[in-house]
C-alpha atoms as a PDB file:
ATOM      1  CA  UNK A   1     -24.155 -24.278 -17.149  1.00  0.00           C
ATOM      2  CA  UNK A   2     -21.305 -25.871 -15.143  1.00  0.00           C
ATOM      3  CA  UNK A   3     -21.008 -24.826 -11.497  1.00  0.00           C
ATOM      4  CA  UNK A   4     -17.740 -22.955 -12.111  1.00  0.00           C
ATOM      5  CA  UNK A   5     -19.290 -20.870 -14.903  1.00  0.00           C
ATOM      6  CA  UNK A   6     -22.388 -20.100 -12.814  1.00  0.00           C
ATOM      7  CA  UNK A   7     -20.278 -18.908  -9.874  1.00  0.00           C
ATOM      8  CA  UNK A   8     -17.911 -16.925 -12.108  1.00  0.00           C
ATOM      9  CA  UNK A   9     -20.784 -15.282 -13.972  1.00  0.00           C
ATOM     10  CA  UNK A  10     -22.653 -14.296 -10.802  1.00  0.00           C
ATOM     11  CA  UNK A  11     -19.473 -12.928  -9.202  1.00  0.00           C
ATOM     12  CA  UNK A  12     -18.656 -10.968 -12.378  1.00  0.00           C
ATOM     13  CA  UNK A  13     -22.165  -9.496 -12.544  1.00  0.00           C
ATOM     14  CA  UNK A  14     -22.002  -8.429  -8.899  1.00  0.00           C
ATOM     15  CA  UNK A  15     -18.479  -6.978  -8.767  1.00  0.00           C
ATOM     16  CA  UNK A  16     -17.176  -4.773 -11.596  1.00  0.00           C
ATOM     17  CA  UNK A  17     -13.615  -5.684 -10.580  1.00  0.00           C
ATOM     18  CA  UNK A  18     -13.979  -9.078 -12.276  1.00  0.00           C
ATOM     19  CA  UNK A  19     -15.146  -7.696 -15.626  1.00  0.00           C
ATOM     20  CA  UNK A  20     -12.629  -7.689 -18.461  1.00  0.00           C
ATOM     21  CA  UNK A  21     -11.505  -4.139 -19.182  1.00  0.00           C
ATOM     22  CA  UNK A  22      -8.882  -2.359 -21.228  1.00  0.00           C
ATOM     23  CA  UNK A  23      -5.869  -0.972 -19.399  1.00  0.00           C
ATOM     24  CA  UNK A  24      -4.365   2.456 -20.132  1.00  0.00           C
ATOM     25  CA  UNK A  25      -2.461   1.079 -23.129  1.00  0.00           C
ATOM     26  CA  UNK A  26      -5.653  -0.328 -24.674  1.00  0.00           C
ATOM     27  CA  UNK A  27      -4.683  -3.934 -23.936  1.00  0.00           C
ATOM     28  CA  UNK A  28      -7.325  -6.227 -22.431  1.00  0.00           C
ATOM     29  CA  UNK A  29      -6.752  -7.149 -18.800  1.00  0.00           C
ATOM     30  CA  UNK A  30      -7.335 -10.623 -17.380  1.00  0.00           C
ATOM     31  CA  UNK A  31     -10.545 -12.406 -18.307  1.00  0.00           C
ATOM     32  CA  UNK A  32     -13.069 -12.911 -15.458  1.00  0.00           C
ATOM     33  CA  UNK A  33     -12.658 -16.698 -15.677  1.00  0.00           C
ATOM     34  CA  UNK A  34      -8.894 -16.256 -15.314  1.00  0.00           C
ATOM     35  CA  UNK A  35      -9.350 -14.271 -12.088  1.00  0.00           C
ATOM     36  CA  UNK A  36     -11.925 -16.706 -10.688  1.00  0.00           C
ATOM     37  CA  UNK A  37      -9.771 -19.713 -11.655  1.00  0.00           C
ATOM     38  CA  UNK A  38      -6.855 -18.237  -9.719  1.00  0.00           C
ATOM     39  CA  UNK A  39      -9.132 -17.832  -6.687  1.00  0.00           C
ATOM     40  CA  UNK A  40     -10.378 -21.407  -6.911  1.00  0.00           C
ATOM     41  CA  UNK A  41      -6.822 -22.723  -7.239  1.00  0.00           C
ATOM     42  CA  UNK A  42      -5.657 -20.794  -4.181  1.00  0.00           C
ATOM     43  CA  UNK A  43      -8.630 -21.951  -2.108  1.00  0.00           C
ATOM     44  CA  UNK A  44      -8.728 -25.570  -3.297  1.00  0.00           C
ATOM     45  CA  UNK A  45      -5.036 -26.363  -3.705  1.00  0.00           C
ATOM     46  CA  UNK A  46      -3.320 -23.871  -1.441  1.00  0.00           C
ATOM     47  CA  UNK A  47      -1.351 -22.387  -4.343  1.00  0.00           C
ATOM     48  CA  UNK A  48       0.594 -19.254  -3.532  1.00  0.00           C
ATOM     49  CA  UNK A  49       0.045 -15.989  -5.363  1.00  0.00           C
ATOM     50  CA  UNK A  50       3.649 -16.190  -6.589  1.00  0.00           C
ATOM     51  CA  UNK A  51       3.047 -19.637  -8.098  1.00  0.00           C
ATOM     52  CA  UNK A  52      -0.079 -18.400  -9.860  1.00  0.00           C
ATOM     53  CA  UNK A  53       1.818 -15.331 -11.047  1.00  0.00           C
ATOM     54  CA  UNK A  54       3.688 -17.522 -13.523  1.00  0.00           C
ATOM     55  CA  UNK A  55       1.063 -20.228 -13.960  1.00  0.00           C
ATOM     56  CA  UNK A  56      -1.899 -17.917 -14.719  1.00  0.00           C
ATOM     57  CA  UNK A  57       0.112 -14.999 -16.139  1.00  0.00           C
ATOM     58  CA  UNK A  58      -1.340 -12.627 -13.545  1.00  0.00           C
ATOM     59  CA  UNK A  59       0.640 -10.493 -11.118  1.00  0.00           C
ATOM     60  CA  UNK A  60       0.651 -11.791  -7.551  1.00  0.00           C
ATOM     61  CA  UNK A  61      -0.896  -8.459  -6.496  1.00  0.00           C
ATOM     62  CA  UNK A  62      -3.809  -9.011  -8.883  1.00  0.00           C
ATOM     63  CA  UNK A  63      -4.185 -12.619  -7.701  1.00  0.00           C
ATOM     64  CA  UNK A  64      -4.411 -11.536  -4.049  1.00  0.00           C
ATOM     65  CA  UNK A  65      -6.759  -8.650  -4.845  1.00  0.00           C
ATOM     66  CA  UNK A  66      -8.952 -11.053  -6.835  1.00  0.00           C
ATOM     67  CA  UNK A  67      -9.017 -13.547  -3.975  1.00  0.00           C
ATOM     68  CA  UNK A  68     -10.008 -10.935  -1.405  1.00  0.00           C
ATOM     69  CA  UNK A  69     -12.837  -9.586  -3.560  1.00  0.00           C
ATOM     70  CA  UNK A  70     -13.934 -13.077  -4.614  1.00  0.00           C
ATOM     71  CA  UNK A  71     -14.263 -14.291  -1.026  1.00  0.00           C
ATOM     72  CA  UNK A  72     -16.176 -11.180   0.044  1.00  0.00           C
ATOM     73  CA  UNK A  73     -18.501 -11.480  -2.935  1.00  0.00           C
ATOM     74  CA  UNK A  74     -19.131 -15.207  -2.471  1.00  0.00           C
ATOM     75  CA  UNK A  75     -19.897 -14.752   1.232  1.00  0.00           C
ATOM     76  CA  UNK A  76     -22.257 -11.876   0.423  1.00  0.00           C
ATOM     77  CA  UNK A  77     -24.054 -13.611  -2.457  1.00  0.00           C
ATOM     78  CA  UNK A  78     -24.091 -17.231  -1.328  1.00  0.00           C
ATOM     79  CA  UNK A  79     -23.654 -16.943   2.439  1.00  0.00           C
ATOM     80  CA  UNK A  80     -27.298 -16.694   3.473  1.00  0.00           C
ATOM     81  CA  UNK A  81     -28.147 -19.927   1.677  1.00  0.00           C
ATOM     82  CA  UNK A  82     -24.996 -22.057   1.668  1.00  0.00           C
ATOM     83  CA  UNK A  83     -22.868 -20.787   4.568  1.00  0.00           C
ATOM     84  CA  UNK A  84     -25.569 -20.952   7.201  1.00  0.00           C
ATOM     85  CA  UNK A  85     -25.835 -23.316  10.137  1.00  0.00           C
ATOM     86  CA  UNK A  86     -27.683 -26.512   9.219  1.00  0.00           C
ATOM     87  CA  UNK A  87     -31.357 -26.687  10.127  1.00  0.00           C
ATOM     88  CA  UNK A  88     -32.653 -29.629  12.199  1.00  0.00           C
ATOM     89  CA  UNK A  89     -33.903 -31.141   8.922  1.00  0.00           C
ATOM     90  CA  UNK A  90     -30.445 -30.696   7.332  1.00  0.00           C
ATOM     91  CA  UNK A  91     -28.780 -32.376  10.321  1.00  0.00           C
ATOM     92  CA  UNK A  92     -31.175 -35.305  10.084  1.00  0.00           C
ATOM     93  CA  UNK A  93     -30.476 -35.731   6.350  1.00  0.00           C
ATOM     94  CA  UNK A  94     -26.698 -35.423   6.833  1.00  0.00           C
ATOM     95  CA  UNK A  95     -26.708 -38.000   9.623  1.00  0.00           C
ATOM     96  CA  UNK A  96     -28.797 -40.382   7.498  1.00  0.00           C
ATOM     97  CA  UNK A  97     -26.394 -39.976   4.572  1.00  0.00           C
ATOM     98  CA  UNK A  98     -23.397 -40.543   6.853  1.00  0.00           C
ATOM     99  CA  UNK A  99     -25.033 -43.639   8.305  1.00  0.00           C
ATOM    100  CA  UNK A 100     -25.722 -44.959   4.801  1.00  0.00           C
ATOM    101  CA  UNK A 101     -21.990 -44.585   4.084  1.00  0.00           C
ATOM    102  CA  UNK A 102     -20.954 -46.301   7.314  1.00  0.00           C
ATOM    103  CA  UNK A 103     -20.229 -43.236   9.461  1.00  0.00           C
ATOM    104  CA  UNK A 104     -22.693 -43.456  12.328  1.00  0.00           C
ATOM    105  CA  UNK A 105     -23.295 -40.191  14.168  1.00  0.00           C
ATOM    106  CA  UNK A 106     -20.739 -38.247  12.130  1.00  0.00           C
ATOM    107  CA  UNK A 107     -22.008 -34.947  10.814  1.00  0.00           C
ATOM    108  CA  UNK A 108     -19.079 -33.310   9.045  1.00  0.00           C
ATOM    109  CA  UNK A 109     -15.662 -34.544  10.105  1.00  0.00           C
ATOM    110  CA  UNK A 110     -13.063 -35.329   7.445  1.00  0.00           C
ATOM    111  CA  UNK A 111     -10.061 -35.672   9.738  1.00  0.00           C
ATOM    112  CA  UNK A 112     -10.985 -39.137  10.991  1.00  0.00           C
ATOM    113  CA  UNK A 113     -11.888 -40.730   7.672  1.00  0.00           C
ATOM    114  CA  UNK A 114     -10.054 -43.915   6.795  1.00  0.00           C
ATOM    115  CA  UNK A 115     -10.022 -43.168   3.069  1.00  0.00           C
ATOM    116  CA  UNK A 116      -6.765 -42.126   1.448  1.00  0.00           C
ATOM    117  CA  UNK A 117      -6.797 -38.563   0.197  1.00  0.00           C
ATOM    118  CA  UNK A 118      -3.631 -37.139  -1.347  1.00  0.00           C
ATOM    119  CA  UNK A 119      -4.304 -33.544  -0.148  1.00  0.00           C
ATOM    120  CA  UNK A 120      -5.023 -34.488   3.466  1.00  0.00           C
ATOM    121  CA  UNK A 121      -2.085 -33.940   5.841  1.00  0.00           C
END
Protein backbone atom coordinates (compact mmCIF):
# COMPACT_ATOMS: atom_id res chain seq x y z
CA UNK A 1 0.00 0.00 0.00
CA UNK A 2 1.45 3.44 -0.88
CA UNK A 3 2.48 5.64 2.05
CA UNK A 4 -0.33 8.14 1.39
CA UNK A 5 -2.98 5.40 1.49
CA UNK A 6 -1.52 3.89 4.68
CA UNK A 7 -1.54 7.27 6.45
CA UNK A 8 -5.03 8.15 5.18
CA UNK A 9 -6.43 4.77 6.19
CA UNK A 10 -4.95 4.88 9.69
CA UNK A 11 -6.15 8.46 10.23
CA UNK A 12 -9.64 7.53 8.98
CA UNK A 13 -9.81 4.50 11.28
CA UNK A 14 -8.75 6.58 14.28
CA UNK A 15 -10.91 9.68 13.75
CA UNK A 16 -14.56 9.36 12.67
CA UNK A 17 -14.39 12.89 11.26
CA UNK A 18 -12.51 11.60 8.20
CA UNK A 19 -15.03 8.88 7.34
CA UNK A 20 -17.32 9.52 4.38
CA UNK A 21 -20.84 10.19 5.61
CA UNK A 22 -24.14 11.38 4.22
CA UNK A 23 -25.19 14.94 4.99
CA UNK A 24 -28.74 15.92 5.97
CA UNK A 25 -29.84 15.93 2.32
CA UNK A 26 -28.57 12.36 1.81
CA UNK A 27 -25.64 13.48 -0.34
CA UNK A 28 -22.21 11.97 0.38
CA UNK A 29 -19.73 14.35 1.97
CA UNK A 30 -16.05 14.51 1.02
CA UNK A 31 -14.16 11.25 0.69
CA UNK A 32 -11.46 10.60 3.35
CA UNK A 33 -8.72 10.74 0.70
CA UNK A 34 -10.03 14.14 -0.40
CA UNK A 35 -9.74 15.50 3.15
CA UNK A 36 -6.28 13.99 3.68
CA UNK A 37 -5.09 15.23 0.27
CA UNK A 38 -6.11 18.77 1.21
CA UNK A 39 -4.12 18.44 4.44
CA UNK A 40 -1.04 17.17 2.63
CA UNK A 41 -1.26 19.99 0.07
CA UNK A 42 -1.51 22.64 2.78
CA UNK A 43 1.42 21.18 4.72
CA UNK A 44 3.67 20.37 1.75
CA UNK A 45 2.94 23.27 -0.59
CA UNK A 46 1.66 25.99 1.70
CA UNK A 47 -1.67 26.17 -0.15
CA UNK A 48 -4.30 28.33 1.48
CA UNK A 49 -7.68 26.98 2.51
CA UNK A 50 -9.28 29.39 0.03
CA UNK A 51 -7.19 28.00 -2.83
CA UNK A 52 -8.14 24.44 -1.90
CA UNK A 53 -11.78 25.51 -1.61
CA UNK A 54 -11.94 25.73 -5.40
CA UNK A 55 -9.24 23.20 -6.22
CA UNK A 56 -10.55 20.35 -4.03
CA UNK A 57 -14.23 21.38 -4.04
CA UNK A 58 -14.27 21.58 -0.25
CA UNK A 59 -15.27 24.59 1.82
CA UNK A 60 -12.34 26.45 3.38
CA UNK A 61 -13.93 25.78 6.79
CA UNK A 62 -13.88 22.03 6.12
CA UNK A 63 -10.29 22.24 4.85
CA UNK A 64 -9.12 24.00 8.03
CA UNK A 65 -11.10 21.66 10.28
CA UNK A 66 -9.59 18.69 8.43
CA UNK A 67 -6.08 20.08 8.82
CA UNK A 68 -6.47 20.66 12.55
CA UNK A 69 -7.81 17.15 13.17
CA UNK A 70 -5.28 15.58 10.79
CA UNK A 71 -2.31 17.16 12.56
CA UNK A 72 -3.61 16.18 16.00
CA UNK A 73 -4.25 12.62 14.85
CA UNK A 74 -0.87 12.24 13.13
CA UNK A 75 0.98 13.55 16.19
CA UNK A 76 -0.99 11.19 18.44
CA UNK A 77 -0.61 8.10 16.24
CA UNK A 78 2.86 8.58 14.77
CA UNK A 79 4.51 10.94 17.26
CA UNK A 80 5.98 8.40 19.66
CA UNK A 81 7.83 6.65 16.84
CA UNK A 82 8.54 9.26 14.18
CA UNK A 83 8.43 12.63 15.96
CA UNK A 84 10.80 11.72 18.76
CA UNK A 85 14.31 12.98 19.37
CA UNK A 86 16.90 10.85 17.59
CA UNK A 87 18.66 8.20 19.66
CA UNK A 88 22.48 8.12 19.78
CA UNK A 89 22.31 5.29 17.21
CA UNK A 90 20.05 7.40 14.95
CA UNK A 91 22.45 10.35 15.18
CA UNK A 92 25.37 8.11 14.25
CA UNK A 93 23.50 6.73 11.22
CA UNK A 94 22.35 10.20 10.11
CA UNK A 95 25.88 11.59 10.37
CA UNK A 96 27.26 8.64 8.40
CA UNK A 97 24.64 9.15 5.68
CA UNK A 98 25.39 12.88 5.56
CA UNK A 99 29.10 12.18 5.31
CA UNK A 100 28.49 9.71 2.48
CA UNK A 101 26.66 12.51 0.63
CA UNK A 102 29.42 15.05 1.27
CA UNK A 103 27.93 16.88 4.27
CA UNK A 104 30.39 16.29 7.09
CA UNK A 105 28.98 16.83 10.57
CA UNK A 106 25.57 17.98 9.32
CA UNK A 107 22.66 16.29 11.02
CA UNK A 108 19.53 17.89 9.60
CA UNK A 109 20.02 21.32 8.08
CA UNK A 110 18.42 22.10 4.72
CA UNK A 111 18.99 25.85 4.73
CA UNK A 112 22.67 25.64 3.83
CA UNK A 113 22.44 23.08 1.04
CA UNK A 114 23.92 24.10 -2.28
CA UNK A 115 21.33 22.18 -4.30
CA UNK A 116 18.64 24.12 -6.13
CA UNK A 117 15.18 23.52 -4.76
CA UNK A 118 12.26 25.43 -6.26
CA UNK A 119 10.27 25.59 -2.97
CA UNK A 120 13.16 26.86 -0.85
CA UNK A 121 13.10 30.62 -0.20
